[in-house]
Amino acid sequence: MTQPELPSALNNIVESSQTPDAIFSALLPAIGDFLQSDRCFLYLHNPQTNLGRVAFCWIRTPDVPTVYNEKWEAQPPTLVDDDPMFAAALRAEPSIFVEDVETADSQVLNREFEQKYFGHRALIHAHIRQNGQLWGILQPCIFGNPRVWTEYERGVINNLVEKITPLTVSYVKSAFD
């Protein structure tokens, strides 16, 4: 199946000639509106150093918890064991669309880990990869109830990830220059 074109609201942001900070800051609320999600964040990862940070986070309402890291931090040594989705991202597997954290297969996600650290009920764990390396994870999510992600939404997210990969890689590399 070919990926659908991006909705114009997303495409206009991605195709703009703004700085990466401005693009990511504008893109997350646009993704939130497109998916009607409660939160959307962008985790950035340096595959050479295994340092990461959530540099951008958008929330729909103030009662939704924000996820944000001011500084680049080492990934916890147990993260790959504790978080199957992060392990899948590191293995450069396709993005994961979770419709219900409560009923998802334990091979896909660790329910207790998700509840403790993120609190969402449904999410997209969109892997931003280049040359088999993880550079970031885009994560829109829903709180309070399950959510079926349509084939169209899945296609748009996969297309969007392709389009923002070069920008993400450049952004991460520039942080370590």
N, C-alpha and C. Protein backbone atom coordinates (compact mmCIF):
# COMPACT_ATOMS: atom_id res chain seq x y z
N MET A 1 0.84 -1.19 0.00
CA MET A 1 0.00 0.00 0.00
C MET A 1 0.88 1.25 0.00
N THR A 2 0.56 2.18 -0.86
CA THR A 2 1.32 3.43 -0.87
C THR A 2 0.83 4.31 0.28
N GLN A 3 1.73 5.10 0.80
CA GLN A 3 1.37 5.95 1.92
C GLN A 3 0.56 7.14 1.44
N PRO A 4 -0.45 7.52 2.21
CA PRO A 4 -1.27 8.68 1.81
C PRO A 4 -0.46 9.97 1.92
N GLU A 5 -0.90 10.93 1.14
CA GLU A 5 -0.30 12.26 1.25
C GLU A 5 -0.57 12.80 2.64
N LEU A 6 0.31 13.64 3.12
CA LEU A 6 0.09 14.27 4.40
C LEU A 6 -1.05 15.27 4.29
N PRO A 7 -1.89 15.38 5.32
CA PRO A 7 -2.87 16.46 5.34
C PRO A 7 -2.13 17.79 5.20
N SER A 8 -2.76 18.77 4.59
CA SER A 8 -2.07 20.03 4.30
C SER A 8 -1.53 20.70 5.55
N ALA A 9 -2.23 20.60 6.68
CA ALA A 9 -1.76 21.24 7.91
C ALA A 9 -0.40 20.67 8.33
N LEU A 10 -0.22 19.37 8.18
CA LEU A 10 1.06 18.74 8.52
C LEU A 10 2.10 19.02 7.45
N ASN A 11 1.71 18.89 6.20
CA ASN A 11 2.66 19.08 5.10
C ASN A 11 3.21 20.50 5.07
N ASN A 12 2.36 21.48 5.31
CA ASN A 12 2.82 22.88 5.29
C ASN A 12 3.89 23.13 6.34
N ILE A 13 3.75 22.48 7.50
CA ILE A 13 4.76 22.65 8.56
C ILE A 13 6.06 21.96 8.16
N VAL A 14 5.95 20.70 7.72
CA VAL A 14 7.14 19.92 7.37
C VAL A 14 7.90 20.56 6.20
N GLU A 15 7.19 21.11 5.25
CA GLU A 15 7.81 21.70 4.06
C GLU A 15 8.26 23.14 4.27
N SER A 16 7.97 23.71 5.44
CA SER A 16 8.36 25.11 5.67
C SER A 16 9.88 25.19 5.83
N SER A 17 10.38 26.38 5.69
CA SER A 17 11.83 26.55 5.80
C SER A 17 12.21 27.09 7.17
N GLN A 18 11.41 26.77 8.17
CA GLN A 18 11.68 27.23 9.53
C GLN A 18 12.81 26.41 10.14
N THR A 19 13.25 26.84 11.31
CA THR A 19 14.27 26.09 12.05
C THR A 19 13.66 24.78 12.54
N PRO A 20 14.49 23.78 12.82
CA PRO A 20 13.94 22.53 13.37
C PRO A 20 13.13 22.76 14.65
N ASP A 21 13.59 23.65 15.53
CA ASP A 21 12.83 23.96 16.74
C ASP A 21 11.43 24.44 16.41
N ALA A 22 11.34 25.34 15.47
CA ALA A 22 10.04 25.90 15.08
C ALA A 22 9.17 24.83 14.40
N ILE A 23 9.78 24.01 13.56
CA ILE A 23 9.02 22.96 12.88
C ILE A 23 8.47 21.96 13.89
N PHE A 24 9.31 21.45 14.76
CA PHE A 24 8.84 20.47 15.74
C PHE A 24 7.81 21.08 16.69
N SER A 25 8.03 22.33 17.11
CA SER A 25 7.08 22.99 18.00
C SER A 25 5.71 23.17 17.36
N ALA A 26 5.68 23.45 16.07
CA ALA A 26 4.42 23.60 15.35
C ALA A 26 3.81 22.26 14.97
N LEU A 27 4.65 21.29 14.71
CA LEU A 27 4.18 19.99 14.23
C LEU A 27 3.42 19.20 15.29
N LEU A 28 3.89 19.21 16.54
CA LEU A 28 3.25 18.38 17.56
C LEU A 28 1.78 18.74 17.80
N PRO A 29 1.41 20.03 17.94
CA PRO A 29 -0.01 20.33 18.09
C PRO A 29 -0.82 19.99 16.83
N ALA A 30 -0.20 20.11 15.67
CA ALA A 30 -0.89 19.75 14.42
C ALA A 30 -1.17 18.25 14.37
N ILE A 31 -0.20 17.45 14.83
CA ILE A 31 -0.41 15.99 14.92
C ILE A 31 -1.52 15.71 15.93
N GLY A 32 -1.47 16.40 17.07
CA GLY A 32 -2.51 16.24 18.08
C GLY A 32 -3.88 16.53 17.53
N ASP A 33 -4.01 17.60 16.76
CA ASP A 33 -5.30 17.93 16.15
C ASP A 33 -5.71 16.88 15.12
N PHE A 34 -4.78 16.47 14.29
CA PHE A 34 -5.08 15.47 13.25
C PHE A 34 -5.58 14.16 13.87
N LEU A 35 -4.92 13.70 14.92
CA LEU A 35 -5.27 12.42 15.54
C LEU A 35 -6.26 12.56 16.69
N GLN A 36 -6.58 13.81 17.05
CA GLN A 36 -7.40 14.07 18.24
C GLN A 36 -6.80 13.38 19.46
N SER A 37 -5.48 13.51 19.59
CA SER A 37 -4.77 12.91 20.72
C SER A 37 -4.70 13.90 21.88
N ASP A 38 -4.32 13.38 23.04
CA ASP A 38 -4.23 14.19 24.24
C ASP A 38 -2.83 14.75 24.48
N ARG A 39 -1.83 14.02 23.99
CA ARG A 39 -0.45 14.45 24.15
C ARG A 39 0.33 13.94 22.95
N CYS A 40 1.36 14.69 22.60
CA CYS A 40 2.27 14.24 21.55
C CYS A 40 3.65 14.75 21.93
N PHE A 41 4.61 13.82 21.98
CA PHE A 41 5.97 14.26 22.28
C PHE A 41 6.95 13.64 21.31
N LEU A 42 8.11 14.28 21.23
CA LEU A 42 9.19 13.82 20.37
C LEU A 42 10.40 13.53 21.24
N TYR A 43 10.75 12.25 21.31
CA TYR A 43 11.94 11.81 22.01
C TYR A 43 13.07 11.76 21.00
N LEU A 44 14.19 12.38 21.32
CA LEU A 44 15.36 12.38 20.45
C LEU A 44 16.42 11.47 21.04
N HIS A 45 17.13 10.75 20.18
CA HIS A 45 18.09 9.75 20.63
C HIS A 45 19.37 9.84 19.79
N ASN A 46 20.51 9.87 20.48
CA ASN A 46 21.79 9.84 19.79
C ASN A 46 22.29 8.40 19.81
N PRO A 47 22.30 7.72 18.65
CA PRO A 47 22.69 6.31 18.63
C PRO A 47 24.16 6.07 18.94
N GLN A 48 25.00 7.09 18.81
CA GLN A 48 26.42 6.92 19.12
C GLN A 48 26.68 6.96 20.63
N THR A 49 25.92 7.77 21.35
CA THR A 49 26.16 7.95 22.78
C THR A 49 25.09 7.31 23.66
N ASN A 50 23.98 6.89 23.05
CA ASN A 50 22.80 6.39 23.79
C ASN A 50 22.26 7.42 24.78
N LEU A 51 22.44 8.68 24.45
CA LEU A 51 21.82 9.75 25.22
C LEU A 51 20.51 10.12 24.54
N GLY A 52 19.54 10.51 25.34
CA GLY A 52 18.26 10.89 24.76
C GLY A 52 17.58 11.95 25.60
N ARG A 53 16.56 12.55 24.98
CA ARG A 53 15.75 13.53 25.71
C ARG A 53 14.44 13.74 24.98
N VAL A 54 13.42 14.05 25.75
CA VAL A 54 12.16 14.50 25.17
C VAL A 54 12.30 16.01 25.07
N ALA A 55 12.52 16.48 23.86
CA ALA A 55 12.80 17.90 23.66
C ALA A 55 11.54 18.71 23.35
N PHE A 56 10.49 18.03 22.90
CA PHE A 56 9.26 18.71 22.50
C PHE A 56 8.07 17.91 23.01
N CYS A 57 7.13 18.61 23.64
CA CYS A 57 5.92 17.95 24.13
C CYS A 57 4.75 18.91 24.03
N TRP A 58 3.67 18.43 23.49
CA TRP A 58 2.42 19.19 23.41
C TRP A 58 1.35 18.44 24.18
N ILE A 59 0.55 19.15 24.96
CA ILE A 59 -0.59 18.55 25.65
C ILE A 59 -1.85 19.33 25.30
N ARG A 60 -2.96 18.59 25.17
CA ARG A 60 -4.24 19.21 24.80
C ARG A 60 -4.81 20.02 25.96
N THR A 61 -4.74 19.46 27.17
CA THR A 61 -5.31 20.14 28.35
C THR A 61 -4.31 20.05 29.50
N PRO A 62 -4.41 20.98 30.46
CA PRO A 62 -3.44 21.01 31.56
C PRO A 62 -3.46 19.78 32.46
N ASP A 63 -4.53 18.99 32.44
CA ASP A 63 -4.58 17.81 33.30
C ASP A 63 -3.81 16.63 32.73
N VAL A 64 -3.33 16.76 31.49
CA VAL A 64 -2.52 15.70 30.87
C VAL A 64 -1.07 15.94 31.26
N PRO A 65 -0.39 14.91 31.79
CA PRO A 65 1.01 15.10 32.21
C PRO A 65 1.94 15.39 31.04
N THR A 66 2.85 16.31 31.27
CA THR A 66 3.87 16.65 30.28
C THR A 66 5.06 15.71 30.44
N VAL A 67 5.66 15.35 29.33
CA VAL A 67 6.90 14.57 29.33
C VAL A 67 7.95 15.47 28.69
N TYR A 68 9.02 15.75 29.43
CA TYR A 68 10.03 16.66 28.92
C TYR A 68 11.33 16.45 29.68
N ASN A 69 12.46 16.51 28.98
CA ASN A 69 13.79 16.47 29.60
C ASN A 69 14.57 17.68 29.12
N GLU A 70 15.02 18.48 30.06
CA GLU A 70 15.82 19.65 29.72
C GLU A 70 17.16 19.25 29.11
N LYS A 71 17.78 18.20 29.69
CA LYS A 71 19.11 17.80 29.28
C LYS A 71 19.11 16.41 28.65
N TRP A 72 20.14 16.14 27.89
CA TRP A 72 20.36 14.82 27.34
C TRP A 72 20.75 13.89 28.48
N GLU A 73 20.13 12.72 28.54
CA GLU A 73 20.39 11.79 29.63
C GLU A 73 20.69 10.41 29.08
N ALA A 74 21.51 9.66 29.82
CA ALA A 74 21.79 8.27 29.44
C ALA A 74 20.53 7.44 29.63
N GLN A 75 20.32 6.53 28.70
CA GLN A 75 19.16 5.65 28.88
C GLN A 75 19.45 4.71 30.04
N PRO A 76 18.45 4.47 30.89
CA PRO A 76 18.68 3.56 32.03
C PRO A 76 19.14 2.19 31.54
N PRO A 77 20.04 1.54 32.26
CA PRO A 77 20.58 0.25 31.81
C PRO A 77 19.51 -0.83 31.62
N THR A 78 18.40 -0.71 32.34
CA THR A 78 17.35 -1.73 32.24
C THR A 78 16.25 -1.36 31.24
N LEU A 79 16.39 -0.23 30.55
CA LEU A 79 15.32 0.23 29.67
C LEU A 79 14.93 -0.79 28.61
N VAL A 80 15.88 -1.40 27.97
CA VAL A 80 15.58 -2.37 26.91
C VAL A 80 14.80 -3.56 27.48
N ASP A 81 15.13 -3.96 28.69
CA ASP A 81 14.41 -5.07 29.33
C ASP A 81 13.03 -4.63 29.82
N ASP A 82 12.94 -3.39 30.30
CA ASP A 82 11.68 -2.90 30.86
C ASP A 82 10.68 -2.45 29.81
N ASP A 83 11.15 -2.02 28.66
CA ASP A 83 10.28 -1.42 27.66
C ASP A 83 10.45 -2.11 26.30
N PRO A 84 9.59 -3.10 26.00
CA PRO A 84 9.70 -3.81 24.73
C PRO A 84 9.56 -2.90 23.50
N MET A 85 8.81 -1.80 23.64
CA MET A 85 8.66 -0.90 22.49
C MET A 85 9.96 -0.17 22.21
N PHE A 86 10.67 0.25 23.26
CA PHE A 86 11.95 0.91 23.05
C PHE A 86 12.95 -0.09 22.46
N ALA A 87 12.92 -1.32 22.95
CA ALA A 87 13.80 -2.36 22.40
C ALA A 87 13.50 -2.56 20.91
N ALA A 88 12.22 -2.57 20.54
CA ALA A 88 11.84 -2.71 19.12
C ALA A 88 12.34 -1.52 18.30
N ALA A 89 12.27 -0.33 18.88
CA ALA A 89 12.75 0.87 18.18
C ALA A 89 14.26 0.77 17.95
N LEU A 90 14.99 0.31 18.96
CA LEU A 90 16.44 0.16 18.81
C LEU A 90 16.79 -0.89 17.75
N ARG A 91 15.94 -1.90 17.59
CA ARG A 91 16.17 -2.94 16.57
C ARG A 91 15.70 -2.48 15.19
N ALA A 92 15.26 -1.24 15.10
CA ALA A 92 14.80 -0.66 13.83
C ALA A 92 13.58 -1.39 13.28
N GLU A 93 12.71 -1.85 14.19
CA GLU A 93 11.46 -2.47 13.77
C GLU A 93 10.44 -1.39 13.40
N PRO A 94 9.40 -1.77 12.68
CA PRO A 94 8.38 -0.78 12.30
C PRO A 94 7.71 -0.14 13.52
N SER A 95 7.14 1.02 13.29
CA SER A 95 6.42 1.73 14.34
C SER A 95 5.30 0.85 14.89
N ILE A 96 4.92 1.14 16.13
CA ILE A 96 3.94 0.33 16.84
C ILE A 96 2.71 1.19 17.13
N PHE A 97 1.55 0.67 16.80
CA PHE A 97 0.28 1.34 17.02
C PHE A 97 -0.49 0.55 18.07
N VAL A 98 -0.57 1.08 19.28
CA VAL A 98 -1.22 0.38 20.39
C VAL A 98 -2.62 0.98 20.57
N GLU A 99 -3.62 0.13 20.42
CA GLU A 99 -5.00 0.58 20.56
C GLU A 99 -5.47 0.59 22.01
N ASP A 100 -4.90 -0.30 22.84
CA ASP A 100 -5.28 -0.35 24.24
C ASP A 100 -4.13 -0.92 25.07
N VAL A 101 -3.52 -0.08 25.88
CA VAL A 101 -2.42 -0.52 26.74
C VAL A 101 -2.87 -1.66 27.65
N GLU A 102 -4.14 -1.62 28.08
CA GLU A 102 -4.65 -2.61 29.02
C GLU A 102 -4.71 -4.02 28.44
N THR A 103 -4.91 -4.13 27.13
CA THR A 103 -5.09 -5.45 26.52
C THR A 103 -3.97 -5.83 25.55
N ALA A 104 -2.98 -4.96 25.38
CA ALA A 104 -1.89 -5.23 24.43
C ALA A 104 -1.06 -6.43 24.89
N ASP A 105 -0.53 -7.15 23.93
CA ASP A 105 0.32 -8.31 24.19
C ASP A 105 1.56 -7.88 24.96
N SER A 106 1.96 -8.66 25.94
CA SER A 106 3.14 -8.33 26.76
C SER A 106 4.43 -8.37 25.94
N GLN A 107 4.40 -9.03 24.77
CA GLN A 107 5.56 -8.99 23.89
C GLN A 107 5.70 -7.64 23.21
N VAL A 108 4.58 -6.90 23.14
CA VAL A 108 4.57 -5.58 22.50
C VAL A 108 4.90 -4.49 23.50
N LEU A 109 4.29 -4.55 24.69
CA LEU A 109 4.54 -3.52 25.68
C LEU A 109 4.44 -4.07 27.09
N ASN A 110 5.08 -3.36 27.99
CA ASN A 110 5.04 -3.67 29.42
C ASN A 110 4.00 -2.74 30.04
N ARG A 111 2.81 -3.28 30.32
CA ARG A 111 1.70 -2.46 30.81
C ARG A 111 2.07 -1.67 32.06
N GLU A 112 2.72 -2.31 33.03
CA GLU A 112 3.08 -1.63 34.27
C GLU A 112 4.05 -0.47 34.01
N PHE A 113 5.03 -0.70 33.13
CA PHE A 113 5.99 0.35 32.77
C PHE A 113 5.26 1.54 32.13
N GLU A 114 4.36 1.25 31.19
CA GLU A 114 3.62 2.32 30.51
C GLU A 114 2.77 3.10 31.50
N GLN A 115 2.08 2.41 32.41
CA GLN A 115 1.23 3.08 33.38
C GLN A 115 2.06 3.94 34.33
N LYS A 116 3.18 3.41 34.79
CA LYS A 116 4.02 4.12 35.75
C LYS A 116 4.64 5.39 35.16
N TYR A 117 5.17 5.28 33.94
CA TYR A 117 5.93 6.39 33.38
C TYR A 117 5.15 7.29 32.41
N PHE A 118 4.08 6.77 31.82
CA PHE A 118 3.40 7.56 30.79
C PHE A 118 1.92 7.78 31.04
N GLY A 119 1.23 6.81 31.60
CA GLY A 119 -0.17 6.99 31.95
C GLY A 119 -1.18 6.96 30.83
N HIS A 120 -0.74 6.77 29.60
CA HIS A 120 -1.66 6.78 28.47
C HIS A 120 -2.40 5.45 28.34
N ARG A 121 -3.45 5.46 27.53
CA ARG A 121 -4.24 4.25 27.30
C ARG A 121 -4.03 3.71 25.89
N ALA A 122 -3.83 4.60 24.94
CA ALA A 122 -3.55 4.23 23.55
C ALA A 122 -2.43 5.13 23.05
N LEU A 123 -1.60 4.59 22.15
CA LEU A 123 -0.47 5.39 21.69
C LEU A 123 0.07 4.90 20.35
N ILE A 124 0.82 5.78 19.74
CA ILE A 124 1.63 5.43 18.57
C ILE A 124 3.08 5.61 18.99
N HIS A 125 3.88 4.58 18.76
CA HIS A 125 5.31 4.60 19.08
C HIS A 125 6.02 4.60 17.72
N ALA A 126 6.12 5.80 17.12
CA ALA A 126 6.62 5.93 15.75
C ALA A 126 8.14 6.07 15.76
N HIS A 127 8.81 5.09 15.18
CA HIS A 127 10.27 5.00 15.22
C HIS A 127 10.91 5.81 14.10
N ILE A 128 11.74 6.74 14.49
CA ILE A 128 12.47 7.57 13.53
C ILE A 128 13.86 6.96 13.39
N ARG A 129 14.08 6.29 12.24
CA ARG A 129 15.31 5.52 12.04
C ARG A 129 15.98 5.93 10.73
N GLN A 130 17.29 5.81 10.75
CA GLN A 130 18.05 6.01 9.52
C GLN A 130 19.24 5.04 9.57
N ASN A 131 19.43 4.32 8.48
CA ASN A 131 20.53 3.35 8.38
C ASN A 131 20.54 2.38 9.56
N GLY A 132 19.35 1.91 9.94
CA GLY A 132 19.24 0.93 11.01
C GLY A 132 19.48 1.47 12.41
N GLN A 133 19.56 2.78 12.55
CA GLN A 133 19.81 3.38 13.86
C GLN A 133 18.62 4.22 14.29
N LEU A 134 18.35 4.20 15.60
CA LEU A 134 17.26 4.98 16.16
C LEU A 134 17.72 6.41 16.43
N TRP A 135 16.95 7.37 15.92
CA TRP A 135 17.25 8.78 16.12
C TRP A 135 16.14 9.48 16.90
N GLY A 136 14.99 8.85 16.98
CA GLY A 136 13.90 9.47 17.72
C GLY A 136 12.66 8.62 17.73
N ILE A 137 11.73 9.01 18.58
CA ILE A 137 10.42 8.37 18.67
C ILE A 137 9.38 9.48 18.77
N LEU A 138 8.45 9.46 17.85
CA LEU A 138 7.31 10.37 17.88
C LEU A 138 6.18 9.62 18.57
N GLN A 139 5.59 10.22 19.63
CA GLN A 139 4.60 9.49 20.38
C GLN A 139 3.34 10.30 20.67
N PRO A 140 2.35 10.21 19.77
CA PRO A 140 1.02 10.73 20.09
C PRO A 140 0.30 9.70 20.97
N CYS A 141 -0.53 10.18 21.91
CA CYS A 141 -1.24 9.23 22.76
C CYS A 141 -2.58 9.77 23.22
N ILE A 142 -3.37 8.84 23.74
CA ILE A 142 -4.71 9.10 24.25
C ILE A 142 -4.75 8.65 25.70
N PHE A 143 -5.43 9.41 26.54
CA PHE A 143 -5.62 9.05 27.94
C PHE A 143 -7.07 8.63 28.15
N GLY A 144 -7.26 7.71 29.08
CA GLY A 144 -8.61 7.40 29.54
C GLY A 144 -9.38 6.35 28.78
N ASN A 145 -9.12 6.19 27.50
CA ASN A 145 -9.88 5.20 26.74
C ASN A 145 -9.05 4.65 25.58
N PRO A 146 -9.41 3.45 25.12
CA PRO A 146 -8.71 2.88 23.96
C PRO A 146 -8.97 3.72 22.71
N ARG A 147 -8.20 3.46 21.68
CA ARG A 147 -8.34 4.20 20.41
C ARG A 147 -7.89 3.31 19.27
N VAL A 148 -8.76 3.14 18.31
CA VAL A 148 -8.41 2.39 17.10
C VAL A 148 -7.75 3.37 16.13
N TRP A 149 -6.54 3.02 15.69
CA TRP A 149 -5.82 3.84 14.72
C TRP A 149 -6.18 3.33 13.33
N THR A 150 -6.74 4.19 12.50
CA THR A 150 -7.18 3.76 11.16
C THR A 150 -5.98 3.51 10.25
N GLU A 151 -6.23 2.80 9.18
CA GLU A 151 -5.17 2.56 8.19
C GLU A 151 -4.68 3.89 7.62
N TYR A 152 -5.60 4.82 7.40
CA TYR A 152 -5.22 6.13 6.89
C TYR A 152 -4.29 6.84 7.88
N GLU A 153 -4.64 6.85 9.17
CA GLU A 153 -3.80 7.50 10.18
C GLU A 153 -2.44 6.83 10.26
N ARG A 154 -2.43 5.51 10.19
CA ARG A 154 -1.16 4.78 10.23
C ARG A 154 -0.29 5.18 9.04
N GLY A 155 -0.89 5.26 7.88
CA GLY A 155 -0.15 5.65 6.68
C GLY A 155 0.39 7.07 6.78
N VAL A 156 -0.44 7.98 7.28
CA VAL A 156 0.00 9.37 7.44
C VAL A 156 1.18 9.46 8.41
N ILE A 157 1.08 8.76 9.54
CA ILE A 157 2.17 8.80 10.52
C ILE A 157 3.44 8.21 9.92
N ASN A 158 3.33 7.09 9.22
CA ASN A 158 4.53 6.49 8.60
C ASN A 158 5.13 7.43 7.56
N ASN A 159 4.30 8.11 6.78
CA ASN A 159 4.77 9.08 5.80
C ASN A 159 5.42 10.26 6.51
N LEU A 160 4.79 10.75 7.56
CA LEU A 160 5.33 11.88 8.31
C LEU A 160 6.69 11.54 8.90
N VAL A 161 6.82 10.35 9.47
CA VAL A 161 8.10 9.94 10.05
C VAL A 161 9.19 9.93 8.98
N GLU A 162 8.86 9.44 7.80
CA GLU A 162 9.84 9.47 6.70
C GLU A 162 10.29 10.89 6.41
N LYS A 163 9.33 11.81 6.38
CA LYS A 163 9.64 13.19 6.02
C LYS A 163 10.44 13.92 7.11
N ILE A 164 10.22 13.58 8.38
CA ILE A 164 10.94 14.30 9.45
C ILE A 164 12.24 13.61 9.85
N THR A 165 12.51 12.43 9.30
CA THR A 165 13.74 11.73 9.68
C THR A 165 15.00 12.55 9.41
N PRO A 166 15.20 13.10 8.21
CA PRO A 166 16.43 13.87 7.98
C PRO A 166 16.55 15.07 8.94
N LEU A 167 15.44 15.72 9.21
CA LEU A 167 15.44 16.86 10.12
C LEU A 167 15.79 16.42 11.54
N THR A 168 15.26 15.27 11.96
CA THR A 168 15.54 14.74 13.30
C THR A 168 17.02 14.38 13.43
N VAL A 169 17.55 13.69 12.44
CA VAL A 169 18.96 13.28 12.46
C VAL A 169 19.85 14.53 12.53
N SER A 170 19.55 15.50 11.72
CA SER A 170 20.32 16.74 11.71
C SER A 170 20.25 17.45 13.06
N TYR A 171 19.06 17.50 13.63
CA TYR A 171 18.86 18.15 14.92
C TYR A 171 19.70 17.46 16.01
N VAL A 172 19.64 16.13 16.07
CA VAL A 172 20.40 15.39 17.08
C VAL A 172 21.89 15.61 16.87
N LYS A 173 22.35 15.46 15.63
CA LYS A 173 23.78 15.64 15.37
C LYS A 173 24.26 17.05 15.75
N SER A 174 23.44 18.05 15.47
CA SER A 174 23.85 19.42 15.78
C SER A 174 23.94 19.66 17.28
N ALA A 175 23.20 18.91 18.07
CA ALA A 175 23.26 19.05 19.52
C ALA A 175 24.57 18.54 20.10
N PHE A 176 25.28 17.74 19.31
CA PHE A 176 26.53 17.14 19.80
C PHE A 176 27.75 17.64 19.05
N ASP A 177 27.58 18.65 18.21
CA ASP A 177 28.72 19.23 17.48
C ASP A 177 29.57 20.08 18.39
